[in-house]
Structure formats: C-alpha cells, structure tokens
C-alpha cells in the first residue's frame, strides 16, 4: 500500500511538472485578473494544486508574476464560496 501511494505521488509530481513545462502558468496568472470572481477562484485553485509540494512550480509562479495577483485576491472584499 505504501509503495502504491509513493508511486501515485511520484506520478502526480510528474504531471504537475509537465503541465507547467507546457506553459500553463502564464494563462492561469492572466485568469487571476479576470472580471469574473469564479474564474479568479478557479485559476487560484489550479495554481495551488500545481504548486503544492513542488518548489520548482512555486518559484515559477512567483517568477512569472503570479504573486501580486494572488495577494490581491486575498485582500479583495469579495466573498467567494
């Protein structure tokens, strides 16, 4: 069971790396500035999922300008549920 979990984690990390290598960061960061609260929320969730547990992806998000719009979402007055 532990080997299976480890293998699944490894596959998950490879998928995350591939997604970012294929250029997903910039479009997701652009979507953080959408007029739609729901689109912003979904883009933030996608970035979170790809960055979780991946320091390389985290650095990529910051390097590509994602930090400012993410912080902006945190300080917005919109209540998204």
C-alpha atoms as a PDB file:
ATOM      1  CA  UNK A   1       0.000   0.000   0.000  1.00  0.00           C
ATOM      2  CA  UNK A   2       2.819   2.432   0.854  1.00  0.00           C
ATOM      3  CA  UNK A   3       4.566   1.709  -2.441  1.00  0.00           C
ATOM      4  CA  UNK A   4       1.365   2.432  -4.310  1.00  0.00           C
ATOM      5  CA  UNK A   5       0.930   5.783  -2.553  1.00  0.00           C
ATOM      6  CA  UNK A   6       4.530   6.670  -3.227  1.00  0.00           C
ATOM      7  CA  UNK A   7       4.137   5.766  -6.887  1.00  0.00           C
ATOM      8  CA  UNK A   8       0.938   7.814  -7.141  1.00  0.00           C
ATOM      9  CA  UNK A   9       2.663  10.799  -5.538  1.00  0.00           C
ATOM     10  CA  UNK A  10       5.520  10.489  -7.991  1.00  0.00           C
ATOM     11  CA  UNK A  11       3.126  10.340 -10.947  1.00  0.00           C
ATOM     12  CA  UNK A  12       1.269  13.367  -9.593  1.00  0.00           C
ATOM     13  CA  UNK A  13       4.506  15.370  -9.373  1.00  0.00           C
ATOM     14  CA  UNK A  14       5.421  14.383 -12.925  1.00  0.00           C
ATOM     15  CA  UNK A  15       2.003  15.551 -14.149  1.00  0.00           C
ATOM     16  CA  UNK A  16       2.441  18.868 -12.355  1.00  0.00           C
ATOM     17  CA  UNK A  17       5.854  19.374 -13.921  1.00  0.00           C
ATOM     18  CA  UNK A  18       4.543  18.559 -17.373  1.00  0.00           C
ATOM     19  CA  UNK A  19       1.616  20.971 -17.016  1.00  0.00           C
ATOM     20  CA  UNK A  20       3.958  23.799 -16.117  1.00  0.00           C
ATOM     21  CA  UNK A  21       6.528  22.888 -18.776  1.00  0.00           C
ATOM     22  CA  UNK A  22       3.744  23.110 -21.359  1.00  0.00           C
ATOM     23  CA  UNK A  23       3.124  26.747 -20.430  1.00  0.00           C
ATOM     24  CA  UNK A  24       0.147  26.688 -18.081  1.00  0.00           C
ATOM     25  CA  UNK A  25       1.455  29.339 -15.682  1.00  0.00           C
ATOM     26  CA  UNK A  26       1.023  32.477 -17.779  1.00  0.00           C
ATOM     27  CA  UNK A  27      -2.590  31.793 -18.832  1.00  0.00           C
ATOM     28  CA  UNK A  28      -3.566  30.929 -15.246  1.00  0.00           C
ATOM     29  CA  UNK A  29      -1.957  34.122 -13.981  1.00  0.00           C
ATOM     30  CA  UNK A  30      -3.882  36.117 -16.599  1.00  0.00           C
ATOM     31  CA  UNK A  31      -7.100  34.475 -15.396  1.00  0.00           C
ATOM     32  CA  UNK A  32      -6.369  35.720 -11.869  1.00  0.00           C
ATOM     33  CA  UNK A  33      -7.166  39.203 -13.236  1.00  0.00           C
ATOM     34  CA  UNK A  34     -10.480  38.177 -14.817  1.00  0.00           C
ATOM     35  CA  UNK A  35     -13.593  40.239 -14.165  1.00  0.00           C
ATOM     36  CA  UNK A  36     -15.309  37.046 -13.018  1.00  0.00           C
ATOM     37  CA  UNK A  37     -14.812  36.106  -9.369  1.00  0.00           C
ATOM     38  CA  UNK A  38     -15.445  32.464 -10.216  1.00  0.00           C
ATOM     39  CA  UNK A  39     -12.756  32.450 -12.927  1.00  0.00           C
ATOM     40  CA  UNK A  40     -10.307  34.052 -10.492  1.00  0.00           C
ATOM     41  CA  UNK A  41     -11.149  31.429  -7.874  1.00  0.00           C
ATOM     42  CA  UNK A  42     -10.679  28.541 -10.305  1.00  0.00           C
ATOM     43  CA  UNK A  43      -7.350  29.921 -11.572  1.00  0.00           C
ATOM     44  CA  UNK A  44      -6.099  30.332  -7.999  1.00  0.00           C
ATOM     45  CA  UNK A  45      -7.165  26.761  -7.195  1.00  0.00           C
ATOM     46  CA  UNK A  46      -5.394  25.420 -10.287  1.00  0.00           C
ATOM     47  CA  UNK A  47      -2.206  27.270  -9.364  1.00  0.00           C
ATOM     48  CA  UNK A  48      -2.473  25.994  -5.802  1.00  0.00           C
ATOM     49  CA  UNK A  49      -2.878  22.399  -6.919  1.00  0.00           C
ATOM     50  CA  UNK A  50       0.113  22.581  -9.221  1.00  0.00           C
ATOM     51  CA  UNK A  51       2.303  24.400  -6.702  1.00  0.00           C
ATOM     52  CA  UNK A  52       1.505  22.218  -3.690  1.00  0.00           C
ATOM     53  CA  UNK A  53       4.537  20.136  -2.869  1.00  0.00           C
ATOM     54  CA  UNK A  54       6.531  21.426  -5.845  1.00  0.00           C
ATOM     55  CA  UNK A  55       9.123  24.082  -5.012  1.00  0.00           C
ATOM     56  CA  UNK A  56      10.036  24.318  -8.713  1.00  0.00           C
ATOM     57  CA  UNK A  57       6.443  25.197  -9.647  1.00  0.00           C
ATOM     58  CA  UNK A  58       6.181  27.620  -6.721  1.00  0.00           C
ATOM     59  CA  UNK A  59       9.250  29.514  -7.949  1.00  0.00           C
ATOM     60  CA  UNK A  60       7.856  29.505 -11.488  1.00  0.00           C
ATOM     61  CA  UNK A  61       4.596  31.087 -10.337  1.00  0.00           C
ATOM     62  CA  UNK A  62       6.439  33.849  -8.483  1.00  0.00           C
ATOM     63  CA  UNK A  63       8.931  34.382 -11.333  1.00  0.00           C
ATOM     64  CA  UNK A  64       6.096  34.671 -13.875  1.00  0.00           C
ATOM     65  CA  UNK A  65       4.290  37.361 -11.878  1.00  0.00           C
ATOM     66  CA  UNK A  66       1.666  35.347 -10.033  1.00  0.00           C
ATOM     67  CA  UNK A  67       2.367  36.589  -6.527  1.00  0.00           C
ATOM     68  CA  UNK A  68       0.893  40.086  -6.858  1.00  0.00           C
ATOM     69  CA  UNK A  69      -2.481  38.991  -8.283  1.00  0.00           C
ATOM     70  CA  UNK A  70      -2.726  36.155  -5.722  1.00  0.00           C
ATOM     71  CA  UNK A  71      -2.124  38.593  -2.885  1.00  0.00           C
ATOM     72  CA  UNK A  72      -4.654  40.923  -4.487  1.00  0.00           C
ATOM     73  CA  UNK A  73      -7.260  38.178  -4.361  1.00  0.00           C
ATOM     74  CA  UNK A  74      -6.554  37.627  -0.682  1.00  0.00           C
ATOM     75  CA  UNK A  75      -7.128  41.293   0.055  1.00  0.00           C
ATOM     76  CA  UNK A  76     -10.245  41.652  -2.116  1.00  0.00           C
ATOM     77  CA  UNK A  77     -13.583  42.272  -0.471  1.00  0.00           C
ATOM     78  CA  UNK A  78     -15.432  39.656  -2.488  1.00  0.00           C
ATOM     79  CA  UNK A  79     -16.833  36.718  -0.557  1.00  0.00           C
ATOM     80  CA  UNK A  80     -16.382  33.711  -2.816  1.00  0.00           C
ATOM     81  CA  UNK A  81     -17.910  30.492  -1.547  1.00  0.00           C
END
